[in-house]
Amino acid sequence: MVWARLQADVNCNLRRGAWYRLIKAQGLAAVVDVKGKAVPVVRAFLQMSNTPPRKWTVVPRPQDVPRSIELGDHYAVCPSCRDRVPLRGKPSRLLCGRCSVEFAVDWEERYLAK
């Protein structure tokens, strides 16, 4: 099984920082599974991995997210269920409120860093 996530700060029906199962990658195109639906994505926008994600991804707040959504300057994305949570402080581990699984937070990774 191959996993994929956005490696570009673009709007294309994928949640930034979330890993998805790769269904197909051919030429310039790729297709990922988003909640049971096949979603086409430009392959160049994706980072791929042969191992499933095991750490929370820290994502800088996208510029186009309304300030009314309480995410803060950075938020974390659960590697299991893709839920987003605001970050308070700099925790080393987080328990996901949606899927109830605890993972380390990947503070070393510079996801979508400019």
PDB file of N, CA and C in Angstrom:
ATOM      1  N   MET A   1       0.849  -1.172   0.000  1.00  0.00           N
ATOM      2  CA  MET A   1       0.000   0.000   0.000  1.00  0.00           C
ATOM      3  C   MET A   1       0.902   1.245   0.000  1.00  0.00           C
ATOM      4  N   VAL A   2       0.523   2.229  -0.776  1.00  0.00           N
ATOM      5  CA  VAL A   2       1.272   3.474  -0.855  1.00  0.00           C
ATOM      6  C   VAL A   2       0.391   4.597  -0.308  1.00  0.00           C
ATOM      7  N   TRP A   3       1.019   5.501   0.440  1.00  0.00           N
ATOM      8  CA  TRP A   3       0.332   6.645   1.034  1.00  0.00           C
ATOM      9  C   TRP A   3       0.790   7.912   0.337  1.00  0.00           C
ATOM     10  N   ALA A   4      -0.081   8.915   0.286  1.00  0.00           N
ATOM     11  CA  ALA A   4       0.260  10.181  -0.363  1.00  0.00           C
ATOM     12  C   ALA A   4      -0.373  11.338   0.398  1.00  0.00           C
ATOM     13  N   ARG A   5       0.323  12.477   0.355  1.00  0.00           N
ATOM     14  CA  ARG A   5      -0.227  13.709   0.930  1.00  0.00           C
ATOM     15  C   ARG A   5       0.271  14.891   0.105  1.00  0.00           C
ATOM     16  N   LEU A   6      -0.390  16.017   0.277  1.00  0.00           N
ATOM     17  CA  LEU A   6       0.016  17.221  -0.442  1.00  0.00           C
ATOM     18  C   LEU A   6       1.425  17.640  -0.028  1.00  0.00           C
ATOM     19  N   GLN A   7       2.219  17.993  -1.013  1.00  0.00           N
ATOM     20  CA  GLN A   7       3.527  18.583  -0.732  1.00  0.00           C
ATOM     21  C   GLN A   7       3.582  20.008  -1.265  1.00  0.00           C
ATOM     22  N   ALA A   8       2.422  20.510  -1.679  1.00  0.00           N
ATOM     23  CA  ALA A   8       2.303  21.877  -2.194  1.00  0.00           C
ATOM     24  C   ALA A   8       1.120  22.545  -1.499  1.00  0.00           C
ATOM     25  N   ASP A   9       1.208  23.842  -1.303  1.00  0.00           N
ATOM     26  CA  ASP A   9       0.141  24.587  -0.642  1.00  0.00           C
ATOM     27  C   ASP A   9      -0.899  24.989  -1.692  1.00  0.00           C
ATOM     28  N   VAL A  10      -1.727  24.012  -2.087  1.00  0.00           N
ATOM     29  CA  VAL A  10      -2.736  24.216  -3.122  1.00  0.00           C
ATOM     30  C   VAL A  10      -4.093  23.717  -2.631  1.00  0.00           C
ATOM     31  N   ASN A  11      -5.153  24.246  -3.209  1.00  0.00           N
ATOM     32  CA  ASN A  11      -6.503  23.788  -2.907  1.00  0.00           C
ATOM     33  C   ASN A  11      -6.910  22.762  -3.952  1.00  0.00           C
ATOM     34  N   CYS A  12      -7.044  21.500  -3.515  1.00  0.00           N
ATOM     35  CA  CYS A  12      -7.411  20.450  -4.477  1.00  0.00           C
ATOM     36  C   CYS A  12      -8.184  19.314  -3.812  1.00  0.00           C
ATOM     37  N   ASN A  13      -9.033  19.640  -2.864  1.00  0.00           N
ATOM     38  CA  ASN A  13      -9.899  18.671  -2.196  1.00  0.00           C
ATOM     39  C   ASN A  13      -9.161  17.678  -1.311  1.00  0.00           C
ATOM     40  N   LEU A  14      -7.925  17.993  -0.925  1.00  0.00           N
ATOM     41  CA  LEU A  14      -7.196  17.192   0.052  1.00  0.00           C
ATOM     42  C   LEU A  14      -6.861  18.089   1.240  1.00  0.00           C
ATOM     43  N   ARG A  15      -6.915  17.525   2.409  1.00  0.00           N
ATOM     44  CA  ARG A  15      -6.576  18.264   3.623  1.00  0.00           C
ATOM     45  C   ARG A  15      -5.054  18.344   3.753  1.00  0.00           C
ATOM     46  N   ARG A  16      -4.529  19.542   3.929  1.00  0.00           N
ATOM     47  CA  ARG A  16      -3.082  19.712   4.092  1.00  0.00           C
ATOM     48  C   ARG A  16      -2.612  18.915   5.300  1.00  0.00           C
ATOM     49  N   GLY A  17      -1.512  18.183   5.122  1.00  0.00           N
ATOM     50  CA  GLY A  17      -0.933  17.398   6.200  1.00  0.00           C
ATOM     51  C   GLY A  17      -1.520  16.009   6.361  1.00  0.00           C
ATOM     52  N   ALA A  18      -2.642  15.729   5.731  1.00  0.00           N
ATOM     53  CA  ALA A  18      -3.297  14.429   5.861  1.00  0.00           C
ATOM     54  C   ALA A  18      -2.767  13.438   4.828  1.00  0.00           C
ATOM     55  N   TRP A  19      -2.585  12.207   5.265  1.00  0.00           N
ATOM     56  CA  TRP A  19      -2.145  11.131   4.375  1.00  0.00           C
ATOM     57  C   TRP A  19      -3.356  10.363   3.866  1.00  0.00           C
ATOM     58  N   TYR A  20      -3.319   9.986   2.599  1.00  0.00           N
ATOM     59  CA  TYR A  20      -4.402   9.251   1.948  1.00  0.00           C
ATOM     60  C   TYR A  20      -3.825   8.032   1.246  1.00  0.00           C
ATOM     61  N   ARG A  21      -4.643   6.994   1.119  1.00  0.00           N
ATOM     62  CA  ARG A  21      -4.211   5.808   0.375  1.00  0.00           C
ATOM     63  C   ARG A  21      -4.174   6.152  -1.108  1.00  0.00           C
ATOM     64  N   LEU A  22      -3.041   5.857  -1.740  1.00  0.00           N
ATOM     65  CA  LEU A  22      -2.895   6.099  -3.169  1.00  0.00           C
ATOM     66  C   LEU A  22      -3.557   4.951  -3.930  1.00  0.00           C
ATOM     67  N   ILE A  23      -4.488   5.286  -4.801  1.00  0.00           N
ATOM     68  CA  ILE A  23      -5.167   4.279  -5.609  1.00  0.00           C
ATOM     69  C   ILE A  23      -4.385   4.019  -6.888  1.00  0.00           C
ATOM     70  N   LYS A  24      -3.948   5.115  -7.525  1.00  0.00           N
ATOM     71  CA  LYS A  24      -3.269   4.973  -8.812  1.00  0.00           C
ATOM     72  C   LYS A  24      -2.400   6.198  -9.062  1.00  0.00           C
ATOM     73  N   ALA A  25      -1.235   5.965  -9.673  1.00  0.00           N
ATOM     74  CA  ALA A  25      -0.369   7.056 -10.115  1.00  0.00           C
ATOM     75  C   ALA A  25       0.156   6.661 -11.488  1.00  0.00           C
ATOM     76  N   GLN A  26      -0.164   7.491 -12.458  1.00  0.00           N
ATOM     77  CA  GLN A  26       0.224   7.195 -13.830  1.00  0.00           C
ATOM     78  C   GLN A  26       0.508   8.500 -14.561  1.00  0.00           C
ATOM     79  N   GLY A  27       1.706   8.611 -15.098  1.00  0.00           N
ATOM     80  CA  GLY A  27       2.063   9.833 -15.807  1.00  0.00           C
ATOM     81  C   GLY A  27       2.024  11.024 -14.863  1.00  0.00           C
ATOM     82  N   LEU A  28       1.317  12.074 -15.260  1.00  0.00           N
ATOM     83  CA  LEU A  28       1.211  13.291 -14.450  1.00  0.00           C
ATOM     84  C   LEU A  28       0.056  13.259 -13.456  1.00  0.00           C
ATOM     85  N   ALA A  29      -0.740  12.197 -13.512  1.00  0.00           N
ATOM     86  CA  ALA A  29      -1.946  12.123 -12.684  1.00  0.00           C
ATOM     87  C   ALA A  29      -1.815  11.094 -11.569  1.00  0.00           C
ATOM     88  N   ALA A  30      -2.583  11.331 -10.521  1.00  0.00           N
ATOM     89  CA  ALA A  30      -2.692  10.376  -9.416  1.00  0.00           C
ATOM     90  C   ALA A  30      -4.133  10.392  -8.930  1.00  0.00           C
ATOM     91  N   VAL A  31      -4.518   9.322  -8.249  1.00  0.00           N
ATOM     92  CA  VAL A  31      -5.853   9.226  -7.663  1.00  0.00           C
ATOM     93  C   VAL A  31      -5.678   8.726  -6.231  1.00  0.00           C
ATOM     94  N   VAL A  32      -6.282   9.441  -5.272  1.00  0.00           N
ATOM     95  CA  VAL A  32      -6.218   9.035  -3.876  1.00  0.00           C
ATOM     96  C   VAL A  32      -7.618   8.755  -3.353  1.00  0.00           C
ATOM     97  N   ASP A  33      -7.674   7.941  -2.302  1.00  0.00           N
ATOM     98  CA  ASP A  33      -8.937   7.572  -1.673  1.00  0.00           C
ATOM     99  C   ASP A  33      -9.232   8.553  -0.543  1.00  0.00           C
ATOM    100  N   VAL A  34     -10.308   9.335  -0.697  1.00  0.00           N
ATOM    101  CA  VAL A  34     -10.749  10.273   0.328  1.00  0.00           C
ATOM    102  C   VAL A  34     -12.130   9.833   0.786  1.00  0.00           C
ATOM    103  N   LYS A  35     -12.186   9.208   1.959  1.00  0.00           N
ATOM    104  CA  LYS A  35     -13.451   8.723   2.523  1.00  0.00           C
ATOM    105  C   LYS A  35     -14.204   7.835   1.538  1.00  0.00           C
ATOM    106  N   GLY A  36     -13.483   6.934   0.874  1.00  0.00           N
ATOM    107  CA  GLY A  36     -14.107   5.997  -0.043  1.00  0.00           C
ATOM    108  C   GLY A  36     -14.352   6.520  -1.444  1.00  0.00           C
ATOM    109  N   LYS A  37     -13.982   7.766  -1.718  1.00  0.00           N
ATOM    110  CA  LYS A  37     -14.149   8.356  -3.047  1.00  0.00           C
ATOM    111  C   LYS A  37     -12.796   8.521  -3.712  1.00  0.00           C
ATOM    112  N   ALA A  38     -12.744   8.227  -4.996  1.00  0.00           N
ATOM    113  CA  ALA A  38     -11.525   8.413  -5.773  1.00  0.00           C
ATOM    114  C   ALA A  38     -11.400   9.889  -6.157  1.00  0.00           C
ATOM    115  N   VAL A  39     -10.339  10.527  -5.704  1.00  0.00           N
ATOM    116  CA  VAL A  39     -10.128  11.951  -5.971  1.00  0.00           C
ATOM    117  C   VAL A  39      -8.869  12.121  -6.820  1.00  0.00           C
ATOM    118  N   PRO A  40      -9.014  12.671  -8.040  1.00  0.00           N
ATOM    119  CA  PRO A  40      -7.836  12.888  -8.886  1.00  0.00           C
ATOM    120  C   PRO A  40      -7.017  14.085  -8.406  1.00  0.00           C
ATOM    121  N   VAL A  41      -5.694  13.953  -8.496  1.00  0.00           N
ATOM    122  CA  VAL A  41      -4.770  15.000  -8.059  1.00  0.00           C
ATOM    123  C   VAL A  41      -3.596  15.022  -9.033  1.00  0.00           C
ATOM    124  N   VAL A  42      -3.043  16.197  -9.252  1.00  0.00           N
ATOM    125  CA  VAL A  42      -1.822  16.300 -10.047  1.00  0.00           C
ATOM    126  C   VAL A  42      -0.707  15.609  -9.257  1.00  0.00           C
ATOM    127  N   ARG A  43      -0.061  14.652  -9.863  1.00  0.00           N
ATOM    128  CA  ARG A  43       0.944  13.836  -9.180  1.00  0.00           C
ATOM    129  C   ARG A  43       2.078  14.678  -8.589  1.00  0.00           C
ATOM    130  N   ALA A  44       2.466  15.743  -9.254  1.00  0.00           N
ATOM    131  CA  ALA A  44       3.555  16.595  -8.772  1.00  0.00           C
ATOM    132  C   ALA A  44       3.215  17.277  -7.450  1.00  0.00           C
ATOM    133  N   PHE A  45       1.934  17.362  -7.101  1.00  0.00           N
ATOM    134  CA  PHE A  45       1.513  17.981  -5.850  1.00  0.00           C
ATOM    135  C   PHE A  45       1.656  17.039  -4.656  1.00  0.00           C
ATOM    136  N   LEU A  46       1.980  15.761  -4.914  1.00  0.00           N
ATOM    137  CA  LEU A  46       1.964  14.747  -3.868  1.00  0.00           C
ATOM    138  C   LEU A  46       3.344  14.301  -3.408  1.00  0.00           C
ATOM    139  N   GLN A  47       3.423  13.991  -2.133  1.00  0.00           N
ATOM    140  CA  GLN A  47       4.555  13.292  -1.539  1.00  0.00           C
ATOM    141  C   GLN A  47       4.044  11.881  -1.302  1.00  0.00           C
ATOM    142  N   MET A  48       4.842  10.860  -1.628  1.00  0.00           N
ATOM    143  CA  MET A  48       4.393   9.479  -1.481  1.00  0.00           C
ATOM    144  C   MET A  48       5.301   8.723  -0.525  1.00  0.00           C
ATOM    145  N   SER A  49       4.718   7.726   0.146  1.00  0.00           N
ATOM    146  CA  SER A  49       5.465   6.921   1.105  1.00  0.00           C
ATOM    147  C   SER A  49       4.934   5.488   1.093  1.00  0.00           C
ATOM    148  N   ASN A  50       5.840   4.540   1.263  1.00  0.00           N
ATOM    149  CA  ASN A  50       5.447   3.130   1.340  1.00  0.00           C
ATOM    150  C   ASN A  50       5.092   2.710   2.759  1.00  0.00           C
ATOM    151  N   THR A  51       5.338   3.587   3.724  1.00  0.00           N
ATOM    152  CA  THR A  51       5.001   3.269   5.108  1.00  0.00           C
ATOM    153  C   THR A  51       3.858   4.170   5.575  1.00  0.00           C
ATOM    154  N   PRO A  52       2.954   3.627   6.371  1.00  0.00           N
ATOM    155  CA  PRO A  52       1.834   4.454   6.844  1.00  0.00           C
ATOM    156  C   PRO A  52       2.330   5.524   7.805  1.00  0.00           C
ATOM    157  N   PRO A  53       1.637   6.648   7.877  1.00  0.00           N
ATOM    158  CA  PRO A  53       2.047   7.731   8.776  1.00  0.00           C
ATOM    159  C   PRO A  53       1.921   7.297  10.231  1.00  0.00           C
ATOM    160  N   ARG A  54       2.844   7.766  11.070  1.00  0.00           N
ATOM    161  CA  ARG A  54       2.833   7.411  12.495  1.00  0.00           C
ATOM    162  C   ARG A  54       2.981   8.614  13.420  1.00  0.00           C
ATOM    163  N   LYS A  55       3.012   9.841  12.850  1.00  0.00           N
ATOM    164  CA  LYS A  55       3.151  11.038  13.669  1.00  0.00           C
ATOM    165  C   LYS A  55       2.177  12.106  13.202  1.00  0.00           C
ATOM    166  N   TRP A  56       1.780  12.962  14.158  1.00  0.00           N
ATOM    167  CA  TRP A  56       0.968  14.121  13.815  1.00  0.00           C
ATOM    168  C   TRP A  56       1.796  15.045  12.936  1.00  0.00           C
ATOM    169  N   THR A  57       1.184  15.593  11.891  1.00  0.00           N
ATOM    170  CA  THR A  57       1.840  16.579  11.049  1.00  0.00           C
ATOM    171  C   THR A  57       1.461  17.968  11.547  1.00  0.00           C
ATOM    172  N   VAL A  58       2.467  18.822  11.723  1.00  0.00           N
ATOM    173  CA  VAL A  58       2.230  20.216  12.124  1.00  0.00           C
ATOM    174  C   VAL A  58       2.130  21.042  10.843  1.00  0.00           C
ATOM    175  N   VAL A  59       0.981  21.694  10.665  1.00  0.00           N
ATOM    176  CA  VAL A  59       0.684  22.415   9.429  1.00  0.00           C
ATOM    177  C   VAL A  59       0.559  23.912   9.716  1.00  0.00           C
ATOM    178  N   PRO A  60       1.274  24.748   8.956  1.00  0.00           N
ATOM    179  CA  PRO A  60       1.059  26.192   9.108  1.00  0.00           C
ATOM    180  C   PRO A  60      -0.319  26.554   8.557  1.00  0.00           C
ATOM    181  N   ARG A  61      -1.002  27.455   9.224  1.00  0.00           N
ATOM    182  CA  ARG A  61      -2.349  27.850   8.808  1.00  0.00           C
ATOM    183  C   ARG A  61      -2.330  28.394   7.381  1.00  0.00           C
ATOM    184  N   PRO A  62      -3.119  27.804   6.479  1.00  0.00           N
ATOM    185  CA  PRO A  62      -3.199  28.334   5.115  1.00  0.00           C
ATOM    186  C   PRO A  62      -3.763  29.756   5.119  1.00  0.00           C
ATOM    187  N   GLN A  63      -3.322  30.562   4.193  1.00  0.00           N
ATOM    188  CA  GLN A  63      -3.754  31.963   4.128  1.00  0.00           C
ATOM    189  C   GLN A  63      -5.243  32.101   3.833  1.00  0.00           C
ATOM    190  N   ASP A  64      -5.822  31.119   3.123  1.00  0.00           N
ATOM    191  CA  ASP A  64      -7.218  31.257   2.705  1.00  0.00           C
ATOM    192  C   ASP A  64      -8.232  30.696   3.709  1.00  0.00           C
ATOM    193  N   VAL A  65      -7.787  30.289   4.904  1.00  0.00           N
ATOM    194  CA  VAL A  65      -8.713  29.796   5.922  1.00  0.00           C
ATOM    195  C   VAL A  65      -9.260  30.995   6.695  1.00  0.00           C
ATOM    196  N   PRO A  66     -10.584  31.129   6.783  1.00  0.00           N
ATOM    197  CA  PRO A  66     -11.156  32.265   7.509  1.00  0.00           C
ATOM    198  C   PRO A  66     -10.701  32.295   8.969  1.00  0.00           C
ATOM    199  N   ARG A  67     -10.441  33.475   9.480  1.00  0.00           N
ATOM    200  CA  ARG A  67      -9.989  33.625  10.871  1.00  0.00           C
ATOM    201  C   ARG A  67     -11.046  33.162  11.862  1.00  0.00           C
ATOM    202  N   SER A  68     -12.287  33.033  11.428  1.00  0.00           N
ATOM    203  CA  SER A  68     -13.345  32.578  12.330  1.00  0.00           C
ATOM    204  C   SER A  68     -13.165  31.106  12.710  1.00  0.00           C
ATOM    205  N   ILE A  69     -12.383  30.364  11.929  1.00  0.00           N
ATOM    206  CA  ILE A  69     -12.105  28.969  12.249  1.00  0.00           C
ATOM    207  C   ILE A  69     -10.934  28.943  13.223  1.00  0.00           C
ATOM    208  N   GLU A  70     -11.152  28.394  14.393  1.00  0.00           N
ATOM    209  CA  GLU A  70     -10.172  28.422  15.485  1.00  0.00           C
ATOM    210  C   GLU A  70      -9.079  27.367  15.309  1.00  0.00           C
ATOM    211  N   LEU A  71      -8.087  27.660  14.494  1.00  0.00           N
ATOM    212  CA  LEU A  71      -6.977  26.729  14.314  1.00  0.00           C
ATOM    213  C   LEU A  71      -5.651  27.283  14.807  1.00  0.00           C
ATOM    214  N   GLY A  72      -5.543  28.564  14.991  1.00  0.00           N
ATOM    215  CA  GLY A  72      -4.283  29.155  15.406  1.00  0.00           C
ATOM    216  C   GLY A  72      -3.320  29.279  14.232  1.00  0.00           C
ATOM    217  N   ASP A  73      -2.081  29.672  14.524  1.00  0.00           N
ATOM    218  CA  ASP A  73      -1.072  29.837  13.472  1.00  0.00           C
ATOM    219  C   ASP A  73      -0.610  28.500  12.905  1.00  0.00           C
ATOM    220  N   HIS A  74      -0.669  27.453  13.722  1.00  0.00           N
ATOM    221  CA  HIS A  74      -0.338  26.095  13.303  1.00  0.00           C
ATOM    222  C   HIS A  74      -1.394  25.164  13.879  1.00  0.00           C
ATOM    223  N   TYR A  75      -1.611  24.063  13.215  1.00  0.00           N
ATOM    224  CA  TYR A  75      -2.495  23.033  13.745  1.00  0.00           C
ATOM    225  C   TYR A  75      -1.882  21.682  13.423  1.00  0.00           C
ATOM    226  N   ALA A  76      -2.394  20.638  14.056  1.00  0.00           N
ATOM    227  CA  ALA A  76      -1.871  19.292  13.826  1.00  0.00           C
ATOM    228  C   ALA A  76      -2.932  18.446  13.140  1.00  0.00           C
ATOM    229  N   VAL A  77      -2.461  17.514  12.291  1.00  0.00           N
ATOM    230  CA  VAL A  77      -3.361  16.606  11.575  1.00  0.00           C
ATOM    231  C   VAL A  77      -3.055  15.184  12.028  1.00  0.00           C
ATOM    232  N   CYS A  78      -4.090  14.485  12.480  1.00  0.00           N
ATOM    233  CA  CYS A  78      -3.943  13.114  12.970  1.00  0.00           C
ATOM    234  C   CYS A  78      -3.528  12.180  11.832  1.00  0.00           C
ATOM    235  N   PRO A  79      -2.512  11.337  12.066  1.00  0.00           N
ATOM    236  CA  PRO A  79      -2.081  10.416  11.020  1.00  0.00           C
ATOM    237  C   PRO A  79      -3.060   9.269  10.782  1.00  0.00           C
ATOM    238  N   SER A  80      -3.977   9.064  11.711  1.00  0.00           N
ATOM    239  CA  SER A  80      -4.923   7.964  11.581  1.00  0.00           C
ATOM    240  C   SER A  80      -6.232   8.372  10.909  1.00  0.00           C
ATOM    241  N   CYS A  81      -6.875   9.428  11.434  1.00  0.00           N
ATOM    242  CA  CYS A  81      -8.210   9.786  10.932  1.00  0.00           C
ATOM    243  C   CYS A  81      -8.259  11.132  10.202  1.00  0.00           C
ATOM    244  N   ARG A  82      -7.133  11.863  10.151  1.00  0.00           N
ATOM    245  CA  ARG A  82      -7.021  13.147   9.446  1.00  0.00           C
ATOM    246  C   ARG A  82      -7.722  14.309  10.153  1.00  0.00           C
ATOM    247  N   ASP A  83      -8.118  14.131  11.407  1.00  0.00           N
ATOM    248  CA  ASP A  83      -8.756  15.223  12.133  1.00  0.00           C
ATOM    249  C   ASP A  83      -7.728  16.321  12.382  1.00  0.00           C
ATOM    250  N   ARG A  84      -8.183  17.567  12.382  1.00  0.00           N
ATOM    251  CA  ARG A  84      -7.317  18.717  12.660  1.00  0.00           C
ATOM    252  C   ARG A  84      -7.569  19.189  14.087  1.00  0.00           C
ATOM    253  N   VAL A  85      -6.487  19.529  14.782  1.00  0.00           N
ATOM    254  CA  VAL A  85      -6.632  20.071  16.135  1.00  0.00           C
ATOM    255  C   VAL A  85      -5.719  21.280  16.281  1.00  0.00           C
ATOM    256  N   PRO A  86      -6.206  22.326  16.966  1.00  0.00           N
ATOM    257  CA  PRO A  86      -5.349  23.480  17.243  1.00  0.00           C
ATOM    258  C   PRO A  86      -4.215  23.059  18.173  1.00  0.00           C
ATOM    259  N   LEU A  87      -3.064  23.655  18.020  1.00  0.00           N
ATOM    260  CA  LEU A  87      -1.928  23.351  18.896  1.00  0.00           C
ATOM    261  C   LEU A  87      -1.815  24.414  19.972  1.00  0.00           C
ATOM    262  N   ARG A  88      -1.695  23.959  21.192  1.00  0.00           N
ATOM    263  CA  ARG A  88      -1.463  24.838  22.329  1.00  0.00           C
ATOM    264  C   ARG A  88      -0.138  24.415  22.944  1.00  0.00           C
ATOM    265  N   GLY A  89       0.815  25.309  22.926  1.00  0.00           N
ATOM    266  CA  GLY A  89       2.143  24.947  23.393  1.00  0.00           C
ATOM    267  C   GLY A  89       2.855  24.097  22.357  1.00  0.00           C
ATOM    268  N   LYS A  90       3.743  23.238  22.840  1.00  0.00           N
ATOM    269  CA  LYS A  90       4.502  22.367  21.936  1.00  0.00           C
ATOM    270  C   LYS A  90       4.517  20.947  22.500  1.00  0.00           C
ATOM    271  N   PRO A  91       3.357  20.257  22.470  1.00  0.00           N
ATOM    272  CA  PRO A  91       3.291  18.909  23.048  1.00  0.00           C
ATOM    273  C   PRO A  91       4.137  17.914  22.244  1.00  0.00           C
ATOM    274  N   SER A  92       4.683  16.930  22.926  1.00  0.00           N
ATOM    275  CA  SER A  92       5.460  15.899  22.237  1.00  0.00           C
ATOM    276  C   SER A  92       4.548  14.789  21.717  1.00  0.00           C
ATOM    277  N   ARG A  93       3.391  14.606  22.360  1.00  0.00           N
ATOM    278  CA  ARG A  93       2.415  13.589  21.946  1.00  0.00           C
ATOM    279  C   ARG A  93       1.014  14.187  22.050  1.00  0.00           C
ATOM    280  N   LEU A  94       0.108  13.676  21.223  1.00  0.00           N
ATOM    281  CA  LEU A  94      -1.297  14.094  21.283  1.00  0.00           C
ATOM    282  C   LEU A  94      -2.195  12.867  21.175  1.00  0.00           C
ATOM    283  N   LEU A  95      -3.270  12.900  21.928  1.00  0.00           N
ATOM    284  CA  LEU A  95      -4.316  11.888  21.825  1.00  0.00           C
ATOM    285  C   LEU A  95      -5.407  12.465  20.939  1.00  0.00           C
ATOM    286  N   CYS A  96      -5.774  11.751  19.894  1.00  0.00           N
ATOM    287  CA  CYS A  96      -6.803  12.241  18.986  1.00  0.00           C
ATOM    288  C   CYS A  96      -8.180  12.092  19.630  1.00  0.00           C
ATOM    289  N   GLY A  97      -8.931  13.179  19.644  1.00  0.00           N
ATOM    290  CA  GLY A  97     -10.276  13.159  20.208  1.00  0.00           C
ATOM    291  C   GLY A  97     -11.265  12.401  19.349  1.00  0.00           C
ATOM    292  N   ARG A  98     -10.972  12.253  18.058  1.00  0.00           N
ATOM    293  CA  ARG A  98     -11.888  11.559  17.156  1.00  0.00           C
ATOM    294  C   ARG A  98     -11.653  10.053  17.163  1.00  0.00           C
ATOM    295  N   CYS A  99     -10.400   9.611  16.959  1.00  0.00           N
ATOM    296  CA  CYS A  99     -10.137   8.164  16.828  1.00  0.00           C
ATOM    297  C   CYS A  99      -9.527   7.555  18.093  1.00  0.00           C
ATOM    298  N   SER A 100      -9.230   8.372  19.102  1.00  0.00           N
ATOM    299  CA  SER A 100      -8.706   7.917  20.394  1.00  0.00           C
ATOM    300  C   SER A 100      -7.374   7.177  20.309  1.00  0.00           C
ATOM    301  N   VAL A 101      -6.535   7.560  19.364  1.00  0.00           N
ATOM    302  CA  VAL A 101      -5.202   6.979  19.238  1.00  0.00           C
ATOM    303  C   VAL A 101      -4.187   8.073  19.542  1.00  0.00           C
ATOM    304  N   GLU A 102      -3.137   7.707  20.270  1.00  0.00           N
ATOM    305  CA  GLU A 102      -2.089   8.665  20.625  1.00  0.00           C
ATOM    306  C   GLU A 102      -0.879   8.475  19.718  1.00  0.00           C
ATOM    307  N   PHE A 103      -0.353   9.591  19.217  1.00  0.00           N
ATOM    308  CA  PHE A 103       0.831   9.587  18.373  1.00  0.00           C
ATOM    309  C   PHE A 103       1.768  10.708  18.814  1.00  0.00           C
ATOM    310  N   ALA A 104       3.046  10.567  18.465  1.00  0.00           N
ATOM    311  CA  ALA A 104       4.016  11.640  18.665  1.00  0.00           C
ATOM    312  C   ALA A 104       3.717  12.758  17.670  1.00  0.00           C
ATOM    313  N   VAL A 105       4.120  13.974  18.027  1.00  0.00           N
ATOM    314  CA  VAL A 105       3.972  15.132  17.142  1.00  0.00           C
ATOM    315  C   VAL A 105       5.312  15.349  16.445  1.00  0.00           C
ATOM    316  N   ASP A 106       5.284  15.470  15.130  1.00  0.00           N
ATOM    317  CA  ASP A 106       6.514  15.609  14.358  1.00  0.00           C
ATOM    318  C   ASP A 106       6.930  17.077  14.249  1.00  0.00           C
ATOM    319  N   TRP A 107       7.575  17.591  15.288  1.00  0.00           N
ATOM    320  CA  TRP A 107       8.020  18.978  15.312  1.00  0.00           C
ATOM    321  C   TRP A 107       9.254  19.192  14.437  1.00  0.00           C
ATOM    322  N   GLU A 108       9.982  18.128  14.123  1.00  0.00           N
ATOM    323  CA  GLU A 108      11.197  18.233  13.313  1.00  0.00           C
ATOM    324  C   GLU A 108      10.894  18.488  11.830  1.00  0.00           C
ATOM    325  N   GLU A 109       9.769  17.976  11.383  1.00  0.00           N
ATOM    326  CA  GLU A 109       9.404  18.135   9.973  1.00  0.00           C
ATOM    327  C   GLU A 109       8.982  19.584   9.716  1.00  0.00           C
ATOM    328  N   ARG A 110       9.362  20.119   8.602  1.00  0.00           N
ATOM    329  CA  ARG A 110       8.980  21.488   8.227  1.00  0.00           C
ATOM    330  C   ARG A 110       7.955  21.411   7.093  1.00  0.00           C
ATOM    331  N   TYR A 111       6.776  20.876   7.395  1.00  0.00           N
ATOM    332  CA  TYR A 111       5.747  20.665   6.378  1.00  0.00           C
ATOM    333  C   TYR A 111       5.292  22.004   5.791  1.00  0.00           C
ATOM    334  N   LEU A 112       5.361  22.118   4.485  1.00  0.00           N
ATOM    335  CA  LEU A 112       4.973  23.314   3.735  1.00  0.00           C
ATOM    336  C   LEU A 112       5.663  24.583   4.227  1.00  0.00           C
ATOM    337  N   ALA A 113       6.861  24.420   4.772  1.00  0.00           N
ATOM    338  CA  ALA A 113       7.610  25.599   5.221  1.00  0.00           C
ATOM    339  C   ALA A 113       8.033  26.436   4.031  1.00  0.00           C
ATOM    340  N   LYS A 114       7.926  27.742   4.180  1.00  0.00           N
ATOM    341  CA  LYS A 114       8.264  28.647   3.074  1.00  0.00           C
ATOM    342  C   LYS A 114       9.728  29.009   3.115  1.00  0.00           C
TER     343      LYS A 114
END
